[in-house]
Amino acid sequence: MTRLKIRKIGNSLGVVLPKDVLEMLGASEGDAVSFARTAHGIMVSVSDEEGEKLREMAADVMKRRRKALKVLAQ
C-alpha cells in the first residue's frame, strides 16, 4: 500500500503520484483520473477520453442505423 500526503498546491490541495502508482494505474501526464465510492472504499481509475468518444460515436451510429445493422447481422 502506498501512502501519500495531501499538500497545498497553489490555492488547492492535492497529491503527487509517484512513478510506481502511475504504473499501477496505467496513467501518464494529461490523463484524467476518476474516483468512485464503493462498498470496499474508493476506486480510482484512469478515464480514457478518446475511448469514451469512440463509444459515444458507435452508440449514435447504432441508434441511427439500427435497421441496417439488424439486416447485416442476419
N, C-alpha and C. Protein backbone atom coordinates (compact mmCIF):
# COMPACT_ATOMS: atom_id res chain seq x y z
N MET A 1 0.84 -1.18 0.00
CA MET A 1 0.00 0.00 0.00
C MET A 1 0.89 1.24 0.00
N THR A 2 0.55 2.18 -0.85
CA THR A 2 1.29 3.43 -0.93
C THR A 2 0.52 4.50 -0.17
N ARG A 3 1.20 5.22 0.70
CA ARG A 3 0.59 6.32 1.44
C ARG A 3 1.11 7.63 0.88
N LEU A 4 0.20 8.53 0.57
CA LEU A 4 0.58 9.84 0.04
C LEU A 4 0.03 10.92 0.95
N LYS A 5 0.76 12.01 1.05
CA LYS A 5 0.34 13.14 1.87
C LYS A 5 -0.38 14.17 1.01
N ILE A 6 -1.46 14.70 1.52
CA ILE A 6 -2.16 15.79 0.85
C ILE A 6 -1.38 17.07 1.15
N ARG A 7 -1.09 17.81 0.09
CA ARG A 7 -0.27 19.03 0.23
C ARG A 7 -0.98 20.21 -0.41
N LYS A 8 -0.58 21.37 -0.01
CA LYS A 8 -1.09 22.59 -0.62
C LYS A 8 -0.37 22.80 -1.95
N ILE A 9 -1.15 22.95 -3.01
CA ILE A 9 -0.59 23.22 -4.34
C ILE A 9 -1.30 24.47 -4.85
N GLY A 10 -0.64 25.61 -4.80
CA GLY A 10 -1.28 26.88 -5.13
C GLY A 10 -2.38 27.16 -4.13
N ASN A 11 -3.61 27.41 -4.61
CA ASN A 11 -4.74 27.65 -3.73
C ASN A 11 -5.56 26.38 -3.48
N SER A 12 -5.05 25.24 -3.93
CA SER A 12 -5.77 23.97 -3.82
C SER A 12 -4.98 22.99 -2.97
N LEU A 13 -5.58 21.82 -2.76
CA LEU A 13 -4.89 20.72 -2.11
C LEU A 13 -4.75 19.60 -3.12
N GLY A 14 -3.68 18.81 -3.02
CA GLY A 14 -3.50 17.72 -3.97
C GLY A 14 -2.46 16.74 -3.50
N VAL A 15 -2.27 15.71 -4.31
CA VAL A 15 -1.23 14.72 -4.06
C VAL A 15 -0.39 14.58 -5.32
N VAL A 16 0.86 14.24 -5.14
CA VAL A 16 1.75 13.96 -6.26
C VAL A 16 1.87 12.45 -6.34
N LEU A 17 1.52 11.89 -7.50
CA LEU A 17 1.54 10.44 -7.67
C LEU A 17 2.94 9.98 -8.08
N PRO A 18 3.54 9.09 -7.30
CA PRO A 18 4.85 8.60 -7.67
C PRO A 18 4.77 7.67 -8.89
N LYS A 19 5.92 7.44 -9.49
CA LYS A 19 6.01 6.67 -10.72
C LYS A 19 5.37 5.28 -10.59
N ASP A 20 5.58 4.59 -9.45
CA ASP A 20 5.02 3.24 -9.29
C ASP A 20 3.49 3.26 -9.24
N VAL A 21 2.91 4.31 -8.67
CA VAL A 21 1.45 4.42 -8.62
C VAL A 21 0.92 4.69 -10.03
N LEU A 22 1.59 5.56 -10.78
CA LEU A 22 1.18 5.83 -12.16
C LEU A 22 1.24 4.56 -12.99
N GLU A 23 2.26 3.75 -12.77
CA GLU A 23 2.37 2.48 -13.50
C GLU A 23 1.23 1.53 -13.13
N MET A 24 0.87 1.48 -11.84
CA MET A 24 -0.25 0.64 -11.40
C MET A 24 -1.55 1.05 -12.09
N LEU A 25 -1.74 2.37 -12.24
CA LEU A 25 -2.96 2.90 -12.87
C LEU A 25 -2.89 2.83 -14.39
N GLY A 26 -1.70 2.69 -14.93
CA GLY A 26 -1.55 2.77 -16.38
C GLY A 26 -1.78 4.19 -16.86
N ALA A 27 -1.36 5.15 -16.04
CA ALA A 27 -1.63 6.56 -16.30
C ALA A 27 -0.35 7.30 -16.65
N SER A 28 -0.54 8.42 -17.33
CA SER A 28 0.59 9.29 -17.63
C SER A 28 0.10 10.74 -17.62
N GLU A 29 1.01 11.66 -17.81
CA GLU A 29 0.68 13.08 -17.77
C GLU A 29 -0.44 13.40 -18.75
N GLY A 30 -1.42 14.15 -18.29
CA GLY A 30 -2.53 14.58 -19.13
C GLY A 30 -3.75 13.68 -19.04
N ASP A 31 -3.61 12.47 -18.46
CA ASP A 31 -4.76 11.58 -18.32
C ASP A 31 -5.71 12.12 -17.25
N ALA A 32 -6.99 11.81 -17.41
CA ALA A 32 -7.99 12.18 -16.41
C ALA A 32 -8.18 11.02 -15.45
N VAL A 33 -8.31 11.30 -14.17
CA VAL A 33 -8.49 10.27 -13.15
C VAL A 33 -9.88 10.43 -12.54
N SER A 34 -10.58 9.30 -12.39
CA SER A 34 -11.92 9.31 -11.81
C SER A 34 -11.90 8.60 -10.47
N PHE A 35 -12.76 9.05 -9.56
CA PHE A 35 -12.88 8.45 -8.24
C PHE A 35 -14.34 8.06 -8.02
N ALA A 36 -14.55 6.86 -7.47
CA ALA A 36 -15.92 6.40 -7.19
C ALA A 36 -15.93 5.72 -5.82
N ARG A 37 -16.95 6.00 -5.05
CA ARG A 37 -17.10 5.35 -3.74
C ARG A 37 -17.72 3.98 -3.96
N THR A 38 -17.13 2.95 -3.37
CA THR A 38 -17.66 1.59 -3.46
C THR A 38 -17.88 1.06 -2.05
N ALA A 39 -18.43 -0.14 -1.97
CA ALA A 39 -18.65 -0.76 -0.66
C ALA A 39 -17.33 -1.06 0.03
N HIS A 40 -16.24 -1.16 -0.74
CA HIS A 40 -14.93 -1.51 -0.20
C HIS A 40 -14.00 -0.32 -0.03
N GLY A 41 -14.45 0.87 -0.37
CA GLY A 41 -13.60 2.06 -0.26
C GLY A 41 -13.75 2.95 -1.48
N ILE A 42 -12.67 3.54 -1.91
CA ILE A 42 -12.68 4.43 -3.07
C ILE A 42 -11.97 3.74 -4.23
N MET A 43 -12.61 3.73 -5.39
CA MET A 43 -12.00 3.16 -6.58
C MET A 43 -11.42 4.30 -7.41
N VAL A 44 -10.18 4.15 -7.83
CA VAL A 44 -9.50 5.13 -8.67
C VAL A 44 -9.30 4.51 -10.04
N SER A 45 -9.70 5.22 -11.08
CA SER A 45 -9.48 4.69 -12.42
C SER A 45 -9.08 5.83 -13.36
N VAL A 46 -8.39 5.45 -14.42
CA VAL A 46 -7.96 6.41 -15.42
C VAL A 46 -9.02 6.45 -16.50
N SER A 47 -9.51 7.64 -16.80
CA SER A 47 -10.53 7.80 -17.82
C SER A 47 -9.87 7.81 -19.19
N ASP A 48 -10.46 7.07 -20.09
CA ASP A 48 -9.97 7.03 -21.47
C ASP A 48 -10.90 7.91 -22.29
N GLU A 49 -10.57 9.21 -22.39
CA GLU A 49 -11.45 10.16 -23.06
C GLU A 49 -11.62 9.83 -24.54
N GLU A 50 -10.56 9.41 -25.20
CA GLU A 50 -10.67 9.06 -26.62
C GLU A 50 -11.56 7.83 -26.80
N GLY A 51 -11.38 6.84 -25.94
CA GLY A 51 -12.22 5.64 -25.99
C GLY A 51 -13.68 5.96 -25.73
N GLU A 52 -13.92 6.86 -24.80
CA GLU A 52 -15.30 7.27 -24.48
C GLU A 52 -15.94 7.97 -25.67
N LYS A 53 -15.19 8.83 -26.35
CA LYS A 53 -15.72 9.49 -27.54
C LYS A 53 -16.08 8.48 -28.62
N LEU A 54 -15.21 7.48 -28.81
CA LEU A 54 -15.48 6.44 -29.81
C LEU A 54 -16.72 5.63 -29.44
N ARG A 55 -16.90 5.31 -28.15
CA ARG A 55 -18.09 4.58 -27.71
C ARG A 55 -19.36 5.39 -27.96
N GLU A 56 -19.29 6.69 -27.69
CA GLU A 56 -20.45 7.56 -27.94
C GLU A 56 -20.78 7.61 -29.43
N MET A 57 -19.75 7.71 -30.28
CA MET A 57 -19.98 7.74 -31.72
C MET A 57 -20.60 6.42 -32.19
N ALA A 58 -20.09 5.29 -31.68
CA ALA A 58 -20.62 3.98 -32.06
C ALA A 58 -22.07 3.85 -31.62
N ALA A 59 -22.40 4.31 -30.43
CA ALA A 59 -23.77 4.24 -29.93
C ALA A 59 -24.69 5.07 -30.81
N ASP A 60 -24.22 6.23 -31.25
CA ASP A 60 -25.02 7.09 -32.13
C ASP A 60 -25.28 6.41 -33.47
N VAL A 61 -24.24 5.81 -34.05
CA VAL A 61 -24.39 5.12 -35.33
C VAL A 61 -25.37 3.94 -35.17
N MET A 62 -25.23 3.19 -34.09
CA MET A 62 -26.12 2.04 -33.87
C MET A 62 -27.57 2.49 -33.70
N LYS A 63 -27.76 3.63 -33.07
CA LYS A 63 -29.11 4.14 -32.87
C LYS A 63 -29.72 4.58 -34.20
N ARG A 64 -28.94 5.31 -35.01
CA ARG A 64 -29.45 5.83 -36.28
C ARG A 64 -29.59 4.76 -37.35
N ARG A 65 -28.75 3.76 -37.32
CA ARG A 65 -28.72 2.73 -38.37
C ARG A 65 -29.15 1.36 -37.86
N ARG A 66 -30.07 1.35 -36.91
CA ARG A 66 -30.50 0.11 -36.27
C ARG A 66 -31.02 -0.92 -37.27
N LYS A 67 -31.88 -0.48 -38.18
CA LYS A 67 -32.47 -1.42 -39.15
C LYS A 67 -31.40 -2.02 -40.06
N ALA A 68 -30.50 -1.21 -40.56
CA ALA A 68 -29.45 -1.69 -41.45
C ALA A 68 -28.52 -2.67 -40.71
N LEU A 69 -28.18 -2.37 -39.47
CA LEU A 69 -27.33 -3.26 -38.70
C LEU A 69 -28.03 -4.58 -38.41
N LYS A 70 -29.34 -4.52 -38.19
CA LYS A 70 -30.11 -5.74 -37.93
C LYS A 70 -30.09 -6.65 -39.15
N VAL A 71 -30.25 -6.06 -40.36
CA VAL A 71 -30.22 -6.84 -41.60
C VAL A 71 -28.82 -7.43 -41.82
N LEU A 72 -27.79 -6.64 -41.55
CA LEU A 72 -26.42 -7.13 -41.72
C LEU A 72 -26.09 -8.26 -40.74
N ALA A 73 -26.70 -8.25 -39.58
CA ALA A 73 -26.42 -9.27 -38.57
C ALA A 73 -27.02 -10.62 -38.93
N GLN A 74 -27.98 -10.64 -39.84
CA GLN A 74 -28.64 -11.90 -40.21
C GLN A 74 -27.82 -12.70 -41.11
